[in-house]
Each structure stands twice: as structure tokens, then as C-alpha cells.
């Protein structure tokens, strides 16, 4: 039997329907606000100037942070080394089957330096 009043499943009464232009959540998130992930992404993509070997270079904040992390790890900061190790492992897992042969020469040199510096005394060198 059809409902002649037009009210029923998926047909609310006209007086309870939202008016045109009226939001169903008027106190919701304002337009233009960003969540944490978007704010972090935008901030890390901002350019910054760094001086390397007397030359001013422009790079993103992310690149600058990674360079500094690697430098601190090479200089013996164990906390930086641990963070770098975790990041490297996460990247390799995310990329799938990245092998050491796929690493660029500079990457290999950095890793060799780090392993040599932090290897236990008497450990075999490769």
C-alpha cells in the first residue's frame, strides 16, 4: 500500500527537512581549518635556507631536518642514530624489497660510516 502523504522511509515531513543552504551540522568544523597531518605536511614543505660549506642552499624543512639528523648520528649522538635507524627500517618496509644494492653511493658511504662508528668493539667489519 503506497503512502499518499509522501512521508515515510527516506521521505521526512517537509517541516523537518533542512532548508536550502542550512547545514546539518552548523557548529561543525569551520571551513579552511586543517587537521594535524595537513599542518605537518604543509610545514615540512616550507623552504628554508641553510649554509653548507659556505654556500647558502634552499631546501625544504624536511630535507634540512634529515640532513641534521644524519650529521648528528655521524657525530656520535646515539639518540639521533636510533631515530635514523627506525626511519630507515620504516622506509625499507614501506618500499617493499629495497636492497643495499639499490642504495646510492652516498647512502652506502653514510651507512658504512655509521655502522663502523657504532659497531661493538672487535665486531667483524665488512
PDB file of N, CA and C in Angstrom:
ATOM      1  N   UNK A   1       0.827  -1.170   0.000  1.00  0.00           N
ATOM      2  CA  UNK A   1       0.000   0.000   0.000  1.00  0.00           C
ATOM      3  C   UNK A   1       0.883   1.249   0.000  1.00  0.00           C
ATOM      4  N   UNK A   2       0.713   2.124  -0.929  1.00  0.00           N
ATOM      5  CA  UNK A   2       1.523   3.330  -1.047  1.00  0.00           C
ATOM      6  C   UNK A   2       1.045   4.370  -0.053  1.00  0.00           C
ATOM      7  N   UNK A   3       2.004   5.128   0.475  1.00  0.00           N
ATOM      8  CA  UNK A   3       1.702   6.177   1.430  1.00  0.00           C
ATOM      9  C   UNK A   3       1.377   7.443   0.650  1.00  0.00           C
ATOM     10  N   UNK A   4       0.149   7.901   0.715  1.00  0.00           N
ATOM     11  CA  UNK A   4      -0.294   9.027  -0.091  1.00  0.00           C
ATOM     12  C   UNK A   4       0.227  10.362   0.428  1.00  0.00           C
ATOM     13  N   UNK A   5       0.621  10.445   1.687  1.00  0.00           N
ATOM     14  CA  UNK A   5       1.079  11.722   2.244  1.00  0.00           C
ATOM     15  C   UNK A   5       2.504  12.066   1.823  1.00  0.00           C
ATOM     16  N   UNK A   6       3.229  11.089   1.216  1.00  0.00           N
ATOM     17  CA  UNK A   6       4.595  11.352   0.797  1.00  0.00           C
ATOM     18  C   UNK A   6       5.578  11.293   1.942  1.00  0.00           C
ATOM     19  N   UNK A   7       5.135  10.849   3.107  1.00  0.00           N
ATOM     20  CA  UNK A   7       6.010  10.751   4.268  1.00  0.00           C
ATOM     21  C   UNK A   7       6.232   9.272   4.542  1.00  0.00           C
ATOM     22  N   UNK A   8       7.490   8.910   4.795  1.00  0.00           N
ATOM     23  CA  UNK A   8       7.808   7.522   5.085  1.00  0.00           C
ATOM     24  C   UNK A   8       9.310   7.318   5.019  1.00  0.00           C
ATOM     25  N   UNK A   9       9.710   6.089   4.676  1.00  0.00           N
ATOM     26  CA  UNK A   9      11.121   5.750   4.611  1.00  0.00           C
ATOM     27  C   UNK A   9      11.807   6.652   3.580  1.00  0.00           C
ATOM     28  N   UNK A  10      12.826   7.377   4.042  1.00  0.00           N
ATOM     29  CA  UNK A  10      13.622   8.303   3.233  1.00  0.00           C
ATOM     30  C   UNK A  10      12.806   9.475   2.700  1.00  0.00           C
ATOM     31  N   UNK A  11      11.682   9.746   3.297  1.00  0.00           N
ATOM     32  CA  UNK A  11      10.848  10.882   2.919  1.00  0.00           C
ATOM     33  C   UNK A  11      10.336  11.564   4.185  1.00  0.00           C
ATOM     34  N   UNK A  12      11.202  12.361   4.814  1.00  0.00           N
ATOM     35  CA  UNK A  12      10.756  13.022   6.052  1.00  0.00           C
ATOM     36  C   UNK A  12       9.724  14.109   5.752  1.00  0.00           C
ATOM     37  N   UNK A  13       8.970  14.473   6.757  1.00  0.00           N
ATOM     38  CA  UNK A  13       7.994  15.549   6.569  1.00  0.00           C
ATOM     39  C   UNK A  13       8.692  16.845   6.159  1.00  0.00           C
ATOM     40  N   UNK A  14       8.068  17.651   5.341  1.00  0.00           N
ATOM     41  CA  UNK A  14       8.670  18.887   4.839  1.00  0.00           C
ATOM     42  C   UNK A  14       9.105  19.816   5.972  1.00  0.00           C
ATOM     43  N   UNK A  15       8.347  19.888   7.051  1.00  0.00           N
ATOM     44  CA  UNK A  15       8.679  20.833   8.120  1.00  0.00           C
ATOM     45  C   UNK A  15       9.930  20.421   8.909  1.00  0.00           C
ATOM     46  N   UNK A  16      10.383  19.138   8.772  1.00  0.00           N
ATOM     47  CA  UNK A  16      11.591  18.714   9.486  1.00  0.00           C
ATOM     48  C   UNK A  16      12.822  18.666   8.582  1.00  0.00           C
ATOM     49  N   UNK A  17      12.634  18.891   7.275  1.00  0.00           N
ATOM     50  CA  UNK A  17      13.765  18.853   6.359  1.00  0.00           C
ATOM     51  C   UNK A  17      14.598  20.132   6.502  1.00  0.00           C
ATOM     52  N   UNK A  18      15.892  20.009   6.194  1.00  0.00           N
ATOM     53  CA  UNK A  18      16.756  21.192   6.224  1.00  0.00           C
ATOM     54  C   UNK A  18      16.325  22.152   5.128  1.00  0.00           C
ATOM     55  N   UNK A  19      16.353  23.435   5.452  1.00  0.00           N
ATOM     56  CA  UNK A  19      16.049  24.467   4.463  1.00  0.00           C
ATOM     57  C   UNK A  19      17.249  24.579   3.522  1.00  0.00           C
ATOM     58  N   UNK A  20      17.056  25.086   2.324  1.00  0.00           N
ATOM     59  CA  UNK A  20      18.151  25.242   1.369  1.00  0.00           C
ATOM     60  C   UNK A  20      19.215  26.158   1.966  1.00  0.00           C
ATOM     61  N   UNK A  21      20.493  25.705   1.903  1.00  0.00           N
ATOM     62  CA  UNK A  21      21.603  26.495   2.437  1.00  0.00           C
ATOM     63  C   UNK A  21      21.851  26.283   3.918  1.00  0.00           C
ATOM     64  N   UNK A  22      21.013  25.517   4.585  1.00  0.00           N
ATOM     65  CA  UNK A  22      21.182  25.264   6.012  1.00  0.00           C
ATOM     66  C   UNK A  22      21.986  23.988   6.198  1.00  0.00           C
ATOM     67  N   UNK A  23      23.002  24.047   7.059  1.00  0.00           N
ATOM     68  CA  UNK A  23      23.857  22.896   7.303  1.00  0.00           C
ATOM     69  C   UNK A  23      23.207  21.945   8.296  1.00  0.00           C
ATOM     70  N   UNK A  24      23.519  20.662   8.140  1.00  0.00           N
ATOM     71  CA  UNK A  24      23.049  19.675   9.100  1.00  0.00           C
ATOM     72  C   UNK A  24      23.898  19.681  10.364  1.00  0.00           C
ATOM     73  N   UNK A  25      25.041  20.343  10.320  1.00  0.00           N
ATOM     74  CA  UNK A  25      25.934  20.434  11.483  1.00  0.00           C
ATOM     75  C   UNK A  25      26.465  21.869  11.557  1.00  0.00           C
ATOM     76  N   UNK A  26      25.640  22.816  11.996  1.00  0.00           N
ATOM     77  CA  UNK A  26      26.043  24.221  11.959  1.00  0.00           C
ATOM     78  C   UNK A  26      27.224  24.559  12.864  1.00  0.00           C
ATOM     79  N   UNK A  27      27.443  23.790  13.916  1.00  0.00           N
ATOM     80  CA  UNK A  27      28.574  24.082  14.799  1.00  0.00           C
ATOM     81  C   UNK A  27      29.753  23.164  14.507  1.00  0.00           C
ATOM     82  N   UNK A  28      29.809  22.610  13.289  1.00  0.00           N
ATOM     83  CA  UNK A  28      30.882  21.699  12.902  1.00  0.00           C
ATOM     84  C   UNK A  28      32.179  22.438  12.627  1.00  0.00           C
ATOM     85  N   UNK A  29      33.151  21.714  12.085  1.00  0.00           N
ATOM     86  CA  UNK A  29      34.463  22.273  11.797  1.00  0.00           C
ATOM     87  C   UNK A  29      34.324  23.392  10.777  1.00  0.00           C
ATOM     88  N   UNK A  30      34.877  24.559  11.089  1.00  0.00           N
ATOM     89  CA  UNK A  30      34.798  25.668  10.137  1.00  0.00           C
ATOM     90  C   UNK A  30      35.603  25.370   8.871  1.00  0.00           C
ATOM     91  N   UNK A  31      35.159  25.931   7.753  1.00  0.00           N
ATOM     92  CA  UNK A  31      35.877  25.742   6.503  1.00  0.00           C
ATOM     93  C   UNK A  31      37.262  26.370   6.609  1.00  0.00           C
ATOM     94  N   UNK A  32      38.228  25.726   5.995  1.00  0.00           N
ATOM     95  CA  UNK A  32      39.577  26.274   5.978  1.00  0.00           C
ATOM     96  C   UNK A  32      40.467  25.805   7.111  1.00  0.00           C
ATOM     97  N   UNK A  33      39.922  25.171   8.132  1.00  0.00           N
ATOM     98  CA  UNK A  33      40.768  24.665   9.207  1.00  0.00           C
ATOM     99  C   UNK A  33      41.406  23.364   8.745  1.00  0.00           C
ATOM    100  N   UNK A  34      42.615  23.123   9.211  1.00  0.00           N
ATOM    101  CA  UNK A  34      43.338  21.930   8.775  1.00  0.00           C
ATOM    102  C   UNK A  34      43.569  21.002   9.959  1.00  0.00           C
ATOM    103  N   UNK A  35      43.690  19.723   9.665  1.00  0.00           N
ATOM    104  CA  UNK A  35      43.980  18.769  10.721  1.00  0.00           C
ATOM    105  C   UNK A  35      45.490  18.702  10.940  1.00  0.00           C
ATOM    106  N   UNK A  36      45.929  17.931  11.908  1.00  0.00           N
ATOM    107  CA  UNK A  36      47.340  17.858  12.269  1.00  0.00           C
ATOM    108  C   UNK A  36      48.199  17.363  11.110  1.00  0.00           C
ATOM    109  N   UNK A  37      47.739  16.334  10.409  1.00  0.00           N
ATOM    110  CA  UNK A  37      48.527  15.779   9.307  1.00  0.00           C
ATOM    111  C   UNK A  37      48.748  16.812   8.216  1.00  0.00           C
ATOM    112  N   UNK A  38      47.724  17.584   7.876  1.00  0.00           N
ATOM    113  CA  UNK A  38      47.855  18.606   6.844  1.00  0.00           C
ATOM    114  C   UNK A  38      48.775  19.727   7.305  1.00  0.00           C
ATOM    115  N   UNK A  39      48.656  20.137   8.557  1.00  0.00           N
ATOM    116  CA  UNK A  39      49.521  21.194   9.084  1.00  0.00           C
ATOM    117  C   UNK A  39      50.982  20.748   9.073  1.00  0.00           C
ATOM    118  N   UNK A  40      51.238  19.505   9.471  1.00  0.00           N
ATOM    119  CA  UNK A  40      52.606  18.981   9.471  1.00  0.00           C
ATOM    120  C   UNK A  40      53.145  18.905   8.046  1.00  0.00           C
ATOM    121  N   UNK A  41      52.349  18.392   7.127  1.00  0.00           N
ATOM    122  CA  UNK A  41      52.757  18.281   5.726  1.00  0.00           C
ATOM    123  C   UNK A  41      53.105  19.656   5.154  1.00  0.00           C
ATOM    124  N   UNK A  42      52.241  20.635   5.385  1.00  0.00           N
ATOM    125  CA  UNK A  42      52.486  21.986   4.867  1.00  0.00           C
ATOM    126  C   UNK A  42      53.737  22.607   5.476  1.00  0.00           C
ATOM    127  N   UNK A  43      53.934  22.414   6.770  1.00  0.00           N
ATOM    128  CA  UNK A  43      55.087  22.991   7.451  1.00  0.00           C
ATOM    129  C   UNK A  43      56.388  22.373   6.959  1.00  0.00           C
ATOM    130  N   UNK A  44      56.401  21.062   6.778  1.00  0.00           N
ATOM    131  CA  UNK A  44      57.621  20.386   6.332  1.00  0.00           C
ATOM    132  C   UNK A  44      57.970  20.703   4.886  1.00  0.00           C
ATOM    133  N   UNK A  45      57.027  21.191   4.103  1.00  0.00           N
ATOM    134  CA  UNK A  45      57.293  21.547   2.712  1.00  0.00           C
ATOM    135  C   UNK A  45      57.744  22.996   2.553  1.00  0.00           C
ATOM    136  N   UNK A  46      57.731  23.777   3.628  1.00  0.00           N
ATOM    137  CA  UNK A  46      58.162  25.175   3.537  1.00  0.00           C
ATOM    138  C   UNK A  46      59.657  25.239   3.259  1.00  0.00           C
ATOM    139  N   UNK A  47      60.081  26.227   2.451  1.00  0.00           N
ATOM    140  CA  UNK A  47      61.514  26.356   2.163  1.00  0.00           C
ATOM    141  C   UNK A  47      62.262  27.014   3.316  1.00  0.00           C
ATOM    142  N   UNK A  48      63.535  26.651   3.426  1.00  0.00           N
ATOM    143  CA  UNK A  48      64.410  27.237   4.428  1.00  0.00           C
ATOM    144  C   UNK A  48      65.796  27.332   3.801  1.00  0.00           C
ATOM    145  N   UNK A  49      66.571  28.328   4.216  1.00  0.00           N
ATOM    146  CA  UNK A  49      67.925  28.475   3.699  1.00  0.00           C
ATOM    147  C   UNK A  49      68.911  27.921   4.706  1.00  0.00           C
ATOM    148  N   UNK A  50      69.876  27.119   4.206  1.00  0.00           N
ATOM    149  CA  UNK A  50      70.923  26.553   5.047  1.00  0.00           C
ATOM    150  C   UNK A  50      72.262  26.865   4.419  1.00  0.00           C
ATOM    151  N   UNK A  51      73.268  27.045   5.265  1.00  0.00           N
ATOM    152  CA  UNK A  51      74.620  27.270   4.775  1.00  0.00           C
ATOM    153  C   UNK A  51      75.391  25.965   4.899  1.00  0.00           C
ATOM    154  N   UNK A  52      75.859  25.445   3.763  1.00  0.00           N
ATOM    155  CA  UNK A  52      76.657  24.226   3.727  1.00  0.00           C
ATOM    156  C   UNK A  52      77.962  24.541   3.023  1.00  0.00           C
ATOM    157  N   UNK A  53      79.062  24.340   3.707  1.00  0.00           N
ATOM    158  CA  UNK A  53      80.384  24.603   3.140  1.00  0.00           C
ATOM    159  C   UNK A  53      80.491  26.031   2.607  1.00  0.00           C
ATOM    160  N   UNK A  54      79.896  26.976   3.313  1.00  0.00           N
ATOM    161  CA  UNK A  54      79.962  28.377   2.929  1.00  0.00           C
ATOM    162  C   UNK A  54      79.008  28.770   1.817  1.00  0.00           C
ATOM    163  N   UNK A  55      78.196  27.841   1.354  1.00  0.00           N
ATOM    164  CA  UNK A  55      77.254  28.122   0.273  1.00  0.00           C
ATOM    165  C   UNK A  55      75.840  28.047   0.839  1.00  0.00           C
ATOM    166  N   UNK A  56      75.051  29.082   0.561  1.00  0.00           N
ATOM    167  CA  UNK A  56      73.662  29.105   1.019  1.00  0.00           C
ATOM    168  C   UNK A  56      72.813  28.292   0.053  1.00  0.00           C
ATOM    169  N   UNK A  57      72.100  27.326   0.592  1.00  0.00           N
ATOM    170  CA  UNK A  57      71.239  26.461  -0.219  1.00  0.00           C
ATOM    171  C   UNK A  57      69.808  26.566   0.287  1.00  0.00           C
ATOM    172  N   UNK A  58      68.860  26.499  -0.630  1.00  0.00           N
ATOM    173  CA  UNK A  58      67.449  26.492  -0.264  1.00  0.00           C
ATOM    174  C   UNK A  58      66.939  25.060  -0.384  1.00  0.00           C
ATOM    175  N   UNK A  59      66.287  24.601   0.668  1.00  0.00           N
ATOM    176  CA  UNK A  59      65.711  23.255   0.697  1.00  0.00           C
ATOM    177  C   UNK A  59      64.480  23.280   1.572  1.00  0.00           C
ATOM    178  N   UNK A  60      63.734  22.185   1.580  1.00  0.00           N
ATOM    179  CA  UNK A  60      62.553  22.123   2.441  1.00  0.00           C
ATOM    180  C   UNK A  60      62.994  21.867   3.880  1.00  0.00           C
ATOM    181  N   UNK A  61      62.100  22.163   4.797  1.00  0.00           N
ATOM    182  CA  UNK A  61      62.397  21.920   6.208  1.00  0.00           C
ATOM    183  C   UNK A  61      62.623  20.434   6.463  1.00  0.00           C
ATOM    184  N   UNK A  62      61.919  19.580   5.735  1.00  0.00           N
ATOM    185  CA  UNK A  62      62.100  18.140   5.885  1.00  0.00           C
ATOM    186  C   UNK A  62      63.516  17.741   5.485  1.00  0.00           C
ATOM    187  N   UNK A  63      63.988  18.234   4.351  1.00  0.00           N
ATOM    188  CA  UNK A  63      65.343  17.915   3.906  1.00  0.00           C
ATOM    189  C   UNK A  63      66.371  18.407   4.912  1.00  0.00           C
ATOM    190  N   UNK A  64      66.163  19.618   5.439  1.00  0.00           N
ATOM    191  CA  UNK A  64      67.094  20.174   6.416  1.00  0.00           C
ATOM    192  C   UNK A  64      67.110  19.331   7.692  1.00  0.00           C
ATOM    193  N   UNK A  65      65.934  18.881   8.127  1.00  0.00           N
ATOM    194  CA  UNK A  65      65.854  18.068   9.342  1.00  0.00           C
ATOM    195  C   UNK A  65      66.555  16.727   9.148  1.00  0.00           C
ATOM    196  N   UNK A  66      66.385  16.115   7.982  1.00  0.00           N
ATOM    197  CA  UNK A  66      67.027  14.828   7.716  1.00  0.00           C
ATOM    198  C   UNK A  66      68.543  14.988   7.658  1.00  0.00           C
ATOM    199  N   UNK A  67      69.018  16.050   6.995  1.00  0.00           N
ATOM    200  CA  UNK A  67      70.461  16.302   6.930  1.00  0.00           C
ATOM    201  C   UNK A  67      71.040  16.453   8.336  1.00  0.00           C
ATOM    202  N   UNK A  68      70.358  17.216   9.169  1.00  0.00           N
ATOM    203  CA  UNK A  68      70.847  17.442  10.524  1.00  0.00           C
ATOM    204  C   UNK A  68      70.837  16.153  11.341  1.00  0.00           C
ATOM    205  N   UNK A  69      69.788  15.365  11.178  1.00  0.00           N
ATOM    206  CA  UNK A  69      69.698  14.095  11.889  1.00  0.00           C
ATOM    207  C   UNK A  69      70.862  13.182  11.514  1.00  0.00           C
ATOM    208  N   UNK A  70      71.166  13.101  10.222  1.00  0.00           N
ATOM    209  CA  UNK A  70      72.270  12.255   9.763  1.00  0.00           C
ATOM    210  C   UNK A  70      73.599  12.782  10.307  1.00  0.00           C
ATOM    211  N   UNK A  71      73.800  14.096  10.260  1.00  0.00           N
ATOM    212  CA  UNK A  71      75.043  14.678  10.779  1.00  0.00           C
ATOM    213  C   UNK A  71      75.226  14.384  12.268  1.00  0.00           C
ATOM    214  N   UNK A  72      74.142  14.531  13.046  1.00  0.00           N
ATOM    215  CA  UNK A  72      74.227  14.265  14.477  1.00  0.00           C
ATOM    216  C   UNK A  72      74.510  12.790  14.746  1.00  0.00           C
ATOM    217  N   UNK A  73      73.908  11.908  13.943  1.00  0.00           N
ATOM    218  CA  UNK A  73      74.153  10.471  14.108  1.00  0.00           C
ATOM    219  C   UNK A  73      75.611  10.148  13.795  1.00  0.00           C
ATOM    220  N   UNK A  74      76.150  10.739  12.744  1.00  0.00           N
ATOM    221  CA  UNK A  74      77.546  10.501  12.380  1.00  0.00           C
ATOM    222  C   UNK A  74      78.484  11.026  13.456  1.00  0.00           C
ATOM    223  N   UNK A  75      78.108  12.121  14.112  1.00  0.00           N
ATOM    224  CA  UNK A  75      78.948  12.721  15.148  1.00  0.00           C
ATOM    225  C   UNK A  75      78.823  12.033  16.503  1.00  0.00           C
ATOM    226  N   UNK A  76      78.063  10.946  16.573  1.00  0.00           N
ATOM    227  CA  UNK A  76      78.045  10.149  17.790  1.00  0.00           C
ATOM    228  C   UNK A  76      76.818  10.295  18.671  1.00  0.00           C
ATOM    229  N   UNK A  77      75.810  11.018  18.241  1.00  0.00           N
ATOM    230  CA  UNK A  77      74.595  11.165  19.041  1.00  0.00           C
ATOM    231  C   UNK A  77      73.773   9.878  18.919  1.00  0.00           C
ATOM    232  N   UNK A  78      73.738   9.090  19.986  1.00  0.00           N
ATOM    233  CA  UNK A  78      73.057   7.795  19.958  1.00  0.00           C
ATOM    234  C   UNK A  78      71.548   7.935  19.737  1.00  0.00           C
ATOM    235  N   UNK A  79      70.951   8.975  20.309  1.00  0.00           N
ATOM    236  CA  UNK A  79      69.511   9.186  20.119  1.00  0.00           C
ATOM    237  C   UNK A  79      69.223   9.431  18.628  1.00  0.00           C
ATOM    238  N   UNK A  80      70.020  10.268  17.991  1.00  0.00           N
ATOM    239  CA  UNK A  80      69.838  10.538  16.562  1.00  0.00           C
ATOM    240  C   UNK A  80      70.050   9.265  15.752  1.00  0.00           C
ATOM    241  N   UNK A  81      71.026   8.451  16.152  1.00  0.00           N
ATOM    242  CA  UNK A  81      71.288   7.201  15.445  1.00  0.00           C
ATOM    243  C   UNK A  81      70.091   6.267  15.543  1.00  0.00           C
ATOM    244  N   UNK A  82      69.501   6.163  16.730  1.00  0.00           N
ATOM    245  CA  UNK A  82      68.330   5.291  16.903  1.00  0.00           C
ATOM    246  C   UNK A  82      67.158   5.774  16.047  1.00  0.00           C
ATOM    247  N   UNK A  83      66.924   7.094  16.062  1.00  0.00           N
ATOM    248  CA  UNK A  83      65.831   7.649  15.258  1.00  0.00           C
ATOM    249  C   UNK A  83      66.079   7.378  13.779  1.00  0.00           C
ATOM    250  N   UNK A  84      67.313   7.581  13.336  1.00  0.00           N
ATOM    251  CA  UNK A  84      67.665   7.338  11.943  1.00  0.00           C
ATOM    252  C   UNK A  84      67.485   5.869  11.576  1.00  0.00           C
ATOM    253  N   UNK A  85      67.863   4.972  12.480  1.00  0.00           N
ATOM    254  CA  UNK A  85      67.696   3.533  12.231  1.00  0.00           C
ATOM    255  C   UNK A  85      66.225   3.172  12.075  1.00  0.00           C
ATOM    256  N   UNK A  86      65.389   3.702  12.957  1.00  0.00           N
ATOM    257  CA  UNK A  86      63.954   3.413  12.890  1.00  0.00           C
ATOM    258  C   UNK A  86      63.364   3.962  11.592  1.00  0.00           C
ATOM    259  N   UNK A  87      63.749   5.175  11.225  1.00  0.00           N
ATOM    260  CA  UNK A  87      63.254   5.767   9.979  1.00  0.00           C
ATOM    261  C   UNK A  87      63.695   4.946   8.766  1.00  0.00           C
ATOM    262  N   UNK A  88      64.954   4.505   8.762  1.00  0.00           N
ATOM    263  CA  UNK A  88      65.473   3.714   7.643  1.00  0.00           C
ATOM    264  C   UNK A  88      64.718   2.400   7.517  1.00  0.00           C
ATOM    265  N   UNK A  89      64.482   1.728   8.633  1.00  0.00           N
ATOM    266  CA  UNK A  89      63.750   0.459   8.603  1.00  0.00           C
ATOM    267  C   UNK A  89      62.317   0.674   8.127  1.00  0.00           C
ATOM    268  N   UNK A  90      61.676   1.735   8.594  1.00  0.00           N
ATOM    269  CA  UNK A  90      60.301   2.017   8.177  1.00  0.00           C
ATOM    270  C   UNK A  90      60.239   2.307   6.684  1.00  0.00           C
ATOM    271  N   UNK A  91      61.223   3.027   6.175  1.00  0.00           N
ATOM    272  CA  UNK A  91      61.256   3.313   4.742  1.00  0.00           C
ATOM    273  C   UNK A  91      61.430   2.047   3.928  1.00  0.00           C
ATOM    274  N   UNK A  92      62.331   1.176   4.362  1.00  0.00           N
ATOM    275  CA  UNK A  92      62.561  -0.065   3.624  1.00  0.00           C
ATOM    276  C   UNK A  92      61.319  -0.938   3.637  1.00  0.00           C
ATOM    277  N   UNK A  93      60.620  -0.991   4.749  1.00  0.00           N
ATOM    278  CA  UNK A  93      59.385  -1.769   4.823  1.00  0.00           C
ATOM    279  C   UNK A  93      58.314  -1.171   3.928  1.00  0.00           C
ATOM    280  N   UNK A  94      58.248   0.158   3.876  1.00  0.00           N
ATOM    281  CA  UNK A  94      57.246   0.830   3.049  1.00  0.00           C
ATOM    282  C   UNK A  94      57.538   0.650   1.561  1.00  0.00           C
ATOM    283  N   UNK A  95      58.818   0.624   1.200  1.00  0.00           N
ATOM    284  CA  UNK A  95      59.193   0.473  -0.206  1.00  0.00           C
ATOM    285  C   UNK A  95      59.122  -0.971  -0.664  1.00  0.00           C
ATOM    286  N   UNK A  96      59.027  -1.894   0.255  1.00  0.00           N
ATOM    287  CA  UNK A  96      58.956  -3.295  -0.116  1.00  0.00           C
ATOM    288  C   UNK A  96      60.303  -3.960  -0.008  1.00  0.00           C
ATOM    289  N   UNK A  97      60.871  -4.354  -1.114  1.00  0.00           N
ATOM    290  CA  UNK A  97      62.099  -5.131  -1.098  1.00  0.00           C
ATOM    291  C   UNK A  97      63.302  -4.292  -1.516  1.00  0.00           C
ATOM    292  N   UNK A  98      63.537  -3.191  -0.868  1.00  0.00           N
ATOM    293  CA  UNK A  98      64.718  -2.382  -1.171  1.00  0.00           C
ATOM    294  C   UNK A  98      65.945  -3.094  -0.623  1.00  0.00           C
ATOM    295  N   UNK A  99      66.946  -3.267  -1.465  1.00  0.00           N
ATOM    296  CA  UNK A  99      68.167  -3.943  -1.040  1.00  0.00           C
ATOM    297  C   UNK A  99      69.304  -2.944  -0.998  1.00  0.00           C
ATOM    298  N   UNK A 100      70.416  -3.358  -0.387  1.00  0.00           N
ATOM    299  CA  UNK A 100      71.558  -2.465  -0.274  1.00  0.00           C
ATOM    300  C   UNK A 100      72.153  -2.146  -1.634  1.00  0.00           C
ATOM    301  N   UNK A 101      71.945  -3.023  -2.637  1.00  0.00           N
ATOM    302  CA  UNK A 101      72.473  -2.736  -3.969  1.00  0.00           C
ATOM    303  C   UNK A 101      71.715  -1.606  -4.645  1.00  0.00           C
ATOM    304  N   UNK A 102      70.496  -1.334  -4.171  1.00  0.00           N
ATOM    305  CA  UNK A 102      69.709  -0.252  -4.745  1.00  0.00           C
ATOM    306  C   UNK A 102      70.054   1.094  -4.141  1.00  0.00           C
ATOM    307  N   UNK A 103      70.812   1.104  -3.054  1.00  0.00           N
ATOM    308  CA  UNK A 103      71.172   2.363  -2.423  1.00  0.00           C
ATOM    309  C   UNK A 103      72.219   3.088  -3.261  1.00  0.00           C
ATOM    310  N   UNK A 104      72.140   4.375  -3.261  1.00  0.00           N
ATOM    311  CA  UNK A 104      73.103   5.175  -3.999  1.00  0.00           C
ATOM    312  C   UNK A 104      74.433   5.165  -3.264  1.00  0.00           C
ATOM    313  N   UNK A 105      75.489   5.557  -3.970  1.00  0.00           N
ATOM    314  CA  UNK A 105      76.830   5.552  -3.401  1.00  0.00           C
ATOM    315  C   UNK A 105      76.933   6.372  -2.135  1.00  0.00           C
ATOM    316  N   UNK A 106      76.310   7.541  -2.100  1.00  0.00           N
ATOM    317  CA  UNK A 106      76.366   8.398  -0.917  1.00  0.00           C
ATOM    318  C   UNK A 106      75.682   7.725   0.273  1.00  0.00           C
ATOM    319  N   UNK A 107      74.564   7.078   0.005  1.00  0.00           N
ATOM    320  CA  UNK A 107      73.846   6.378   1.068  1.00  0.00           C
ATOM    321  C   UNK A 107      74.698   5.248   1.642  1.00  0.00           C
ATOM    322  N   UNK A 108      75.359   4.514   0.759  1.00  0.00           N
ATOM    323  CA  UNK A 108      76.217   3.423   1.215  1.00  0.00           C
ATOM    324  C   UNK A 108      77.344   3.954   2.086  1.00  0.00           C
ATOM    325  N   UNK A 109      77.925   5.072   1.672  1.00  0.00           N
ATOM    326  CA  UNK A 109      79.039   5.662   2.432  1.00  0.00           C
ATOM    327  C   UNK A 109      78.571   6.081   3.826  1.00  0.00           C
ATOM    328  N   UNK A 110      77.408   6.698   3.901  1.00  0.00           N
ATOM    329  CA  UNK A 110      76.865   7.133   5.193  1.00  0.00           C
ATOM    330  C   UNK A 110      76.609   5.928   6.090  1.00  0.00           C
ATOM    331  N   UNK A 111      75.972   4.905   5.532  1.00  0.00           N
ATOM    332  CA  UNK A 111      75.668   3.721   6.335  1.00  0.00           C
ATOM    333  C   UNK A 111      76.936   3.030   6.817  1.00  0.00           C
ATOM    334  N   UNK A 112      77.962   2.921   5.944  1.00  0.00           N
ATOM    335  CA  UNK A 112      79.218   2.302   6.358  1.00  0.00           C
ATOM    336  C   UNK A 112      79.838   3.080   7.509  1.00  0.00           C
ATOM    337  N   UNK A 113      79.827   4.419   7.392  1.00  0.00           N
ATOM    338  CA  UNK A 113      80.390   5.259   8.456  1.00  0.00           C
ATOM    339  C   UNK A 113      79.642   5.045   9.760  1.00  0.00           C
ATOM    340  N   UNK A 114      78.309   5.005   9.674  1.00  0.00           N
ATOM    341  CA  UNK A 114      77.503   4.815  10.886  1.00  0.00           C
ATOM    342  C   UNK A 114      77.754   3.443  11.509  1.00  0.00           C
ATOM    343  N   UNK A 115      77.771   2.398  10.682  1.00  0.00           N
ATOM    344  CA  UNK A 115      77.990   1.062  11.217  1.00  0.00           C
ATOM    345  C   UNK A 115      79.389   0.922  11.822  1.00  0.00           C
ATOM    346  N   UNK A 116      80.381   1.503  11.158  1.00  0.00           N
ATOM    347  CA  UNK A 116      81.748   1.433  11.675  1.00  0.00           C
ATOM    348  C   UNK A 116      81.837   2.168  13.014  1.00  0.00           C
ATOM    349  N   UNK A 117      81.172   3.303  13.097  1.00  0.00           N
ATOM    350  CA  UNK A 117      81.257   4.122  14.307  1.00  0.00           C
ATOM    351  C   UNK A 117      80.556   3.461  15.490  1.00  0.00           C
ATOM    352  N   UNK A 118      79.415   2.799  15.226  1.00  0.00           N
ATOM    353  CA  UNK A 118      78.615   2.269  16.322  1.00  0.00           C
ATOM    354  C   UNK A 118      78.738   0.759  16.490  1.00  0.00           C
ATOM    355  N   UNK A 119      79.579   0.117  15.715  1.00  0.00           N
ATOM    356  CA  UNK A 119      79.749  -1.336  15.843  1.00  0.00           C
ATOM    357  C   UNK A 119      80.448  -1.627  17.156  1.00  0.00           C
ATOM    358  N   UNK A 120      80.071  -2.711  17.822  1.00  0.00           N
ATOM    359  CA  UNK A 120      80.749  -3.083  19.066  1.00  0.00           C
ATOM    360  C   UNK A 120      82.234  -3.363  18.799  1.00  0.00           C
ATOM    361  N   UNK A 121      83.063  -3.129  19.808  1.00  0.00           N
ATOM    362  CA  UNK A 121      84.496  -3.340  19.667  1.00  0.00           C
ATOM    363  C   UNK A 121      84.764  -4.800  19.310  1.00  0.00           C
ATOM    364  N   UNK A 122      85.633  -5.021  18.325  1.00  0.00           N
ATOM    365  CA  UNK A 122      86.003  -6.383  17.927  1.00  0.00           C
ATOM    366  C   UNK A 122      85.030  -7.013  16.953  1.00  0.00           C
ATOM    367  N   UNK A 123      83.964  -6.290  16.554  1.00  0.00           N
ATOM    368  CA  UNK A 123      82.995  -6.860  15.603  1.00  0.00           C
ATOM    369  C   UNK A 123      83.628  -6.901  14.233  1.00  0.00           C
ATOM    370  N   UNK A 124      83.205  -7.861  13.452  1.00  0.00           N
ATOM    371  CA  UNK A 124      83.767  -8.032  12.096  1.00  0.00           C
ATOM    372  C   UNK A 124      83.320  -6.864  11.217  1.00  0.00           C
ATOM    373  N   UNK A 125      84.240  -6.305  10.455  1.00  0.00           N
ATOM    374  CA  UNK A 125      83.951  -5.220   9.529  1.00  0.00           C
ATOM    375  C   UNK A 125      83.704  -5.801   8.148  1.00  0.00           C
ATOM    376  N   UNK A 126      82.751  -5.245   7.421  1.00  0.00           N
ATOM    377  CA  UNK A 126      82.507  -5.749   6.057  1.00  0.00           C
ATOM    378  C   UNK A 126      82.878  -4.718   5.040  1.00  0.00           C
TER     379      UNK A 126
END
